[in-house]
Amino acid sequence: MSDPGPSPSPEQAAAGPSTFAASLALKQRAGGIVVPILTVILAFVMGGVVVAATQHSVHKALLA
């Protein structure tokens, strides 16, 4: 029988994604929080546009 050789060190395994698929999967997981945050920001901007278009007070709209 032949010697299978040394096993890879844990430091090499934890270096990060080495394949394109692994890096793409990481980006998709990270993108999971970006989309909701951008949606909230867009909603506030659109709310400001509606309040500005109707020429009402922002403070009255927020308190309603």
PDB file of N, CA and C in Angstrom:
ATOM      1  N   MET A   1       0.830  -1.185   0.000  1.00  0.00           N
ATOM      2  CA  MET A   1       0.000   0.000   0.000  1.00  0.00           C
ATOM      3  C   MET A   1       0.870   1.242   0.000  1.00  0.00           C
ATOM      4  N   SER A   2       0.295   2.280  -0.532  1.00  0.00           N
ATOM      5  CA  SER A   2       1.040   3.533  -0.553  1.00  0.00           C
ATOM      6  C   SER A   2       0.567   4.439   0.570  1.00  0.00           C
ATOM      7  N   ASP A   3       1.445   5.282   0.991  1.00  0.00           N
ATOM      8  CA  ASP A   3       1.124   6.223   2.056  1.00  0.00           C
ATOM      9  C   ASP A   3       0.209   7.319   1.491  1.00  0.00           C
ATOM     10  N   PRO A   4      -0.947   7.595   2.133  1.00  0.00           N
ATOM     11  CA  PRO A   4      -1.856   8.605   1.593  1.00  0.00           C
ATOM     12  C   PRO A   4      -1.320  10.029   1.703  1.00  0.00           C
ATOM     13  N   GLY A   5      -0.294  10.228   2.452  1.00  0.00           N
ATOM     14  CA  GLY A   5       0.294  11.556   2.582  1.00  0.00           C
ATOM     15  C   GLY A   5      -0.313  12.312   3.748  1.00  0.00           C
ATOM     16  N   PRO A   6       0.252  13.451   4.040  1.00  0.00           N
ATOM     17  CA  PRO A   6      -0.253  14.230   5.176  1.00  0.00           C
ATOM     18  C   PRO A   6      -1.619  14.836   4.848  1.00  0.00           C
ATOM     19  N   SER A   7      -2.433  14.925   5.884  1.00  0.00           N
ATOM     20  CA  SER A   7      -3.745  15.548   5.696  1.00  0.00           C
ATOM     21  C   SER A   7      -3.570  17.065   5.639  1.00  0.00           C
ATOM     22  N   PRO A   8      -4.473  17.766   4.967  1.00  0.00           N
ATOM     23  CA  PRO A   8      -4.331  19.225   4.883  1.00  0.00           C
ATOM     24  C   PRO A   8      -4.514  19.867   6.251  1.00  0.00           C
ATOM     25  N   SER A   9      -3.767  20.914   6.481  1.00  0.00           N
ATOM     26  CA  SER A   9      -3.848  21.583   7.774  1.00  0.00           C
ATOM     27  C   SER A   9      -5.150  22.372   7.867  1.00  0.00           C
ATOM     28  N   PRO A  10      -5.674  22.567   9.074  1.00  0.00           N
ATOM     29  CA  PRO A  10      -6.923  23.319   9.240  1.00  0.00           C
ATOM     30  C   PRO A  10      -6.801  24.767   8.784  1.00  0.00           C
ATOM     31  N   GLU A  11      -5.602  25.327   8.817  1.00  0.00           N
ATOM     32  CA  GLU A  11      -5.411  26.711   8.396  1.00  0.00           C
ATOM     33  C   GLU A  11      -5.720  26.875   6.917  1.00  0.00           C
ATOM     34  N   GLN A  12      -5.378  25.879   6.119  1.00  0.00           N
ATOM     35  CA  GLN A  12      -5.649  25.959   4.692  1.00  0.00           C
ATOM     36  C   GLN A  12      -7.142  25.821   4.422  1.00  0.00           C
ATOM     37  N   ALA A  13      -7.831  25.020   5.182  1.00  0.00           N
ATOM     38  CA  ALA A  13      -9.254  24.805   4.965  1.00  0.00           C
ATOM     39  C   ALA A  13     -10.066  26.045   5.340  1.00  0.00           C
ATOM     40  N   ALA A  14      -9.610  26.823   6.305  1.00  0.00           N
ATOM     41  CA  ALA A  14     -10.342  27.994   6.761  1.00  0.00           C
ATOM     42  C   ALA A  14      -9.918  29.269   6.041  1.00  0.00           C
ATOM     43  N   ALA A  15      -9.180  29.145   4.959  1.00  0.00           N
ATOM     44  CA  ALA A  15      -8.673  30.321   4.262  1.00  0.00           C
ATOM     45  C   ALA A  15      -9.777  31.101   3.555  1.00  0.00           C
ATOM     46  N   GLY A  16     -10.901  30.470   3.260  1.00  0.00           N
ATOM     47  CA  GLY A  16     -11.987  31.158   2.575  1.00  0.00           C
ATOM     48  C   GLY A  16     -12.401  30.385   1.348  1.00  0.00           C
ATOM     49  N   PRO A  17     -13.408  30.868   0.661  1.00  0.00           N
ATOM     50  CA  PRO A  17     -13.885  30.150  -0.518  1.00  0.00           C
ATOM     51  C   PRO A  17     -12.835  30.161  -1.621  1.00  0.00           C
ATOM     52  N   SER A  18     -12.554  28.979  -2.145  1.00  0.00           N
ATOM     53  CA  SER A  18     -11.516  28.890  -3.161  1.00  0.00           C
ATOM     54  C   SER A  18     -12.091  28.701  -4.549  1.00  0.00           C
ATOM     55  N   THR A  19     -13.355  28.341  -4.648  1.00  0.00           N
ATOM     56  CA  THR A  19     -13.956  28.144  -5.958  1.00  0.00           C
ATOM     57  C   THR A  19     -14.926  29.277  -6.258  1.00  0.00           C
ATOM     58  N   PHE A  20     -15.241  29.410  -7.519  1.00  0.00           N
ATOM     59  CA  PHE A  20     -16.182  30.447  -7.934  1.00  0.00           C
ATOM     60  C   PHE A  20     -17.552  30.220  -7.309  1.00  0.00           C
ATOM     61  N   ALA A  21     -17.978  28.968  -7.268  1.00  0.00           N
ATOM     62  CA  ALA A  21     -19.289  28.642  -6.695  1.00  0.00           C
ATOM     63  C   ALA A  21     -19.340  28.987  -5.211  1.00  0.00           C
ATOM     64  N   ALA A  22     -18.264  28.734  -4.491  1.00  0.00           N
ATOM     65  CA  ALA A  22     -18.237  29.038  -3.059  1.00  0.00           C
ATOM     66  C   ALA A  22     -18.266  30.544  -2.818  1.00  0.00           C
ATOM     67  N   SER A  23     -17.530  31.299  -3.616  1.00  0.00           N
ATOM     68  CA  SER A  23     -17.541  32.751  -3.435  1.00  0.00           C
ATOM     69  C   SER A  23     -18.888  33.340  -3.841  1.00  0.00           C
ATOM     70  N   LEU A  24     -19.527  32.768  -4.863  1.00  0.00           N
ATOM     71  CA  LEU A  24     -20.852  33.234  -5.266  1.00  0.00           C
ATOM     72  C   LEU A  24     -21.882  32.939  -4.180  1.00  0.00           C
ATOM     73  N   ALA A  25     -21.779  31.779  -3.559  1.00  0.00           N
ATOM     74  CA  ALA A  25     -22.696  31.429  -2.474  1.00  0.00           C
ATOM     75  C   ALA A  25     -22.524  32.390  -1.300  1.00  0.00           C
ATOM     76  N   LEU A  26     -21.286  32.767  -1.010  1.00  0.00           N
ATOM     77  CA  LEU A  26     -21.029  33.719   0.076  1.00  0.00           C
ATOM     78  C   LEU A  26     -21.650  35.073  -0.242  1.00  0.00           C
ATOM     79  N   LYS A  27     -21.508  35.522  -1.481  1.00  0.00           N
ATOM     80  CA  LYS A  27     -22.083  36.810  -1.874  1.00  0.00           C
ATOM     81  C   LYS A  27     -23.604  36.776  -1.815  1.00  0.00           C
ATOM     82  N   GLN A  28     -24.206  35.661  -2.163  1.00  0.00           N
ATOM     83  CA  GLN A  28     -25.660  35.556  -2.105  1.00  0.00           C
ATOM     84  C   GLN A  28     -26.149  35.571  -0.662  1.00  0.00           C
ATOM     85  N   ARG A  29     -25.417  34.930   0.233  1.00  0.00           N
ATOM     86  CA  ARG A  29     -25.810  34.962   1.646  1.00  0.00           C
ATOM     87  C   ARG A  29     -25.668  36.369   2.209  1.00  0.00           C
ATOM     88  N   ALA A  30     -24.615  37.068   1.820  1.00  0.00           N
ATOM     89  CA  ALA A  30     -24.416  38.437   2.289  1.00  0.00           C
ATOM     90  C   ALA A  30     -25.463  39.366   1.694  1.00  0.00           C
ATOM     91  N   GLY A  31     -25.890  39.090   0.479  1.00  0.00           N
ATOM     92  CA  GLY A  31     -26.909  39.908  -0.162  1.00  0.00           C
ATOM     93  C   GLY A  31     -28.271  39.746   0.465  1.00  0.00           C
ATOM     94  N   GLY A  32     -28.449  38.766   1.306  1.00  0.00           N
ATOM     95  CA  GLY A  32     -29.731  38.538   1.948  1.00  0.00           C
ATOM     96  C   GLY A  32     -30.130  39.649   2.897  1.00  0.00           C
ATOM     97  N   ILE A  33     -29.193  40.386   3.440  1.00  0.00           N
ATOM     98  CA  ILE A  33     -29.509  41.484   4.353  1.00  0.00           C
ATOM     99  C   ILE A  33     -29.530  42.815   3.614  1.00  0.00           C
ATOM    100  N   VAL A  34     -28.843  42.897   2.497  1.00  0.00           N
ATOM    101  CA  VAL A  34     -28.757  44.155   1.758  1.00  0.00           C
ATOM    102  C   VAL A  34     -30.105  44.525   1.147  1.00  0.00           C
ATOM    103  N   VAL A  35     -30.788  43.562   0.572  1.00  0.00           N
ATOM    104  CA  VAL A  35     -32.063  43.836  -0.107  1.00  0.00           C
ATOM    105  C   VAL A  35     -33.121  44.384   0.856  1.00  0.00           C
ATOM    106  N   PRO A  36     -33.336  43.795   2.027  1.00  0.00           N
ATOM    107  CA  PRO A  36     -34.321  44.391   2.945  1.00  0.00           C
ATOM    108  C   PRO A  36     -33.950  45.799   3.408  1.00  0.00           C
ATOM    109  N   ILE A  37     -32.673  46.047   3.629  1.00  0.00           N
ATOM    110  CA  ILE A  37     -32.249  47.383   4.052  1.00  0.00           C
ATOM    111  C   ILE A  37     -32.517  48.398   2.949  1.00  0.00           C
ATOM    112  N   LEU A  38     -32.190  48.040   1.704  1.00  0.00           N
ATOM    113  CA  LEU A  38     -32.463  48.941   0.586  1.00  0.00           C
ATOM    114  C   LEU A  38     -33.961  49.162   0.397  1.00  0.00           C
ATOM    115  N   THR A  39     -34.757  48.148   0.659  1.00  0.00           N
ATOM    116  CA  THR A  39     -36.209  48.287   0.545  1.00  0.00           C
ATOM    117  C   THR A  39     -36.748  49.272   1.571  1.00  0.00           C
ATOM    118  N   VAL A  40     -36.243  49.212   2.784  1.00  0.00           N
ATOM    119  CA  VAL A  40     -36.677  50.151   3.827  1.00  0.00           C
ATOM    120  C   VAL A  40     -36.277  51.576   3.459  1.00  0.00           C
ATOM    121  N   ILE A  41     -35.068  51.746   2.964  1.00  0.00           N
ATOM    122  CA  ILE A  41     -34.611  53.082   2.561  1.00  0.00           C
ATOM    123  C   ILE A  41     -35.475  53.619   1.428  1.00  0.00           C
ATOM    124  N   LEU A  42     -35.771  52.773   0.446  1.00  0.00           N
ATOM    125  CA  LEU A  42     -36.620  53.184  -0.673  1.00  0.00           C
ATOM    126  C   LEU A  42     -38.020  53.557  -0.190  1.00  0.00           C
ATOM    127  N   ALA A  43     -38.556  52.819   0.764  1.00  0.00           N
ATOM    128  CA  ALA A  43     -39.885  53.123   1.294  1.00  0.00           C
ATOM    129  C   ALA A  43     -39.906  54.489   1.979  1.00  0.00           C
ATOM    130  N   PHE A  44     -38.872  54.811   2.747  1.00  0.00           N
ATOM    131  CA  PHE A  44     -38.821  56.115   3.393  1.00  0.00           C
ATOM    132  C   PHE A  44     -38.680  57.238   2.374  1.00  0.00           C
ATOM    133  N   VAL A  45     -37.885  57.011   1.343  1.00  0.00           N
ATOM    134  CA  VAL A  45     -37.721  58.023   0.295  1.00  0.00           C
ATOM    135  C   VAL A  45     -39.049  58.252  -0.425  1.00  0.00           C
ATOM    136  N   MET A  46     -39.728  57.180  -0.773  1.00  0.00           N
ATOM    137  CA  MET A  46     -41.012  57.312  -1.469  1.00  0.00           C
ATOM    138  C   MET A  46     -42.056  57.981  -0.568  1.00  0.00           C
ATOM    139  N   GLY A  47     -42.026  57.682   0.713  1.00  0.00           N
ATOM    140  CA  GLY A  47     -42.922  58.364   1.646  1.00  0.00           C
ATOM    141  C   GLY A  47     -42.642  59.858   1.692  1.00  0.00           C
ATOM    142  N   GLY A  48     -41.375  60.220   1.670  1.00  0.00           N
ATOM    143  CA  GLY A  48     -41.004  61.637   1.633  1.00  0.00           C
ATOM    144  C   GLY A  48     -41.459  62.308   0.358  1.00  0.00           C
ATOM    145  N   VAL A  49     -41.385  61.589  -0.762  1.00  0.00           N
ATOM    146  CA  VAL A  49     -41.849  62.138  -2.041  1.00  0.00           C
ATOM    147  C   VAL A  49     -43.352  62.390  -1.991  1.00  0.00           C
ATOM    148  N   VAL A  50     -44.101  61.454  -1.437  1.00  0.00           N
ATOM    149  CA  VAL A  50     -45.557  61.615  -1.342  1.00  0.00           C
ATOM    150  C   VAL A  50     -45.906  62.790  -0.439  1.00  0.00           C
ATOM    151  N   VAL A  51     -45.240  62.908   0.692  1.00  0.00           N
ATOM    152  CA  VAL A  51     -45.510  64.017   1.612  1.00  0.00           C
ATOM    153  C   VAL A  51     -45.144  65.342   0.948  1.00  0.00           C
ATOM    154  N   ALA A  52     -44.029  65.383   0.236  1.00  0.00           N
ATOM    155  CA  ALA A  52     -43.622  66.610  -0.447  1.00  0.00           C
ATOM    156  C   ALA A  52     -44.579  66.949  -1.589  1.00  0.00           C
ATOM    157  N   ALA A  53     -45.057  65.947  -2.300  1.00  0.00           N
ATOM    158  CA  ALA A  53     -45.961  66.185  -3.427  1.00  0.00           C
ATOM    159  C   ALA A  53     -47.310  66.715  -2.956  1.00  0.00           C
ATOM    160  N   THR A  54     -47.749  66.281  -1.793  1.00  0.00           N
ATOM    161  CA  THR A  54     -49.035  66.755  -1.274  1.00  0.00           C
ATOM    162  C   THR A  54     -48.878  68.027  -0.449  1.00  0.00           C
ATOM    163  N   GLN A  55     -47.654  68.481  -0.265  1.00  0.00           N
ATOM    164  CA  GLN A  55     -47.316  69.718   0.445  1.00  0.00           C
ATOM    165  C   GLN A  55     -47.853  69.730   1.875  1.00  0.00           C
ATOM    166  N   HIS A  56     -47.752  68.600   2.529  1.00  0.00           N
ATOM    167  CA  HIS A  56     -48.134  68.513   3.931  1.00  0.00           C
ATOM    168  C   HIS A  56     -46.881  68.526   4.800  1.00  0.00           C
ATOM    169  N   SER A  57     -47.077  68.721   6.064  1.00  0.00           N
ATOM    170  CA  SER A  57     -45.972  68.724   7.010  1.00  0.00           C
ATOM    171  C   SER A  57     -45.495  67.293   7.255  1.00  0.00           C
ATOM    172  N   VAL A  58     -44.202  67.102   7.244  1.00  0.00           N
ATOM    173  CA  VAL A  58     -43.631  65.783   7.508  1.00  0.00           C
ATOM    174  C   VAL A  58     -43.940  65.362   8.940  1.00  0.00           C
ATOM    175  N   HIS A  59     -43.917  66.299   9.861  1.00  0.00           N
ATOM    176  CA  HIS A  59     -44.166  65.981  11.265  1.00  0.00           C
ATOM    177  C   HIS A  59     -45.601  65.510  11.481  1.00  0.00           C
ATOM    178  N   LYS A  60     -46.546  66.134  10.819  1.00  0.00           N
ATOM    179  CA  LYS A  60     -47.939  65.708  10.942  1.00  0.00           C
ATOM    180  C   LYS A  60     -48.134  64.331  10.315  1.00  0.00           C
ATOM    181  N   ALA A  61     -47.436  64.069   9.221  1.00  0.00           N
ATOM    182  CA  ALA A  61     -47.561  62.768   8.559  1.00  0.00           C
ATOM    183  C   ALA A  61     -46.968  61.665   9.426  1.00  0.00           C
ATOM    184  N   LEU A  62     -45.873  61.949  10.112  1.00  0.00           N
ATOM    185  CA  LEU A  62     -45.247  60.937  10.960  1.00  0.00           C
ATOM    186  C   LEU A  62     -46.066  60.676  12.219  1.00  0.00           C
ATOM    187  N   LEU A  63     -46.764  61.689  12.718  1.00  0.00           N
ATOM    188  CA  LEU A  63     -47.559  61.530  13.930  1.00  0.00           C
ATOM    189  C   LEU A  63     -48.919  60.902  13.663  1.00  0.00           C
ATOM    190  N   ALA A  64     -49.341  60.874  12.421  1.00  0.00           N
ATOM    191  CA  ALA A  64     -50.666  60.319  12.084  1.00  0.00           C
ATOM    192  C   ALA A  64     -50.684  58.821  12.208  1.00  0.00           C
TER     193      ALA A  64
END
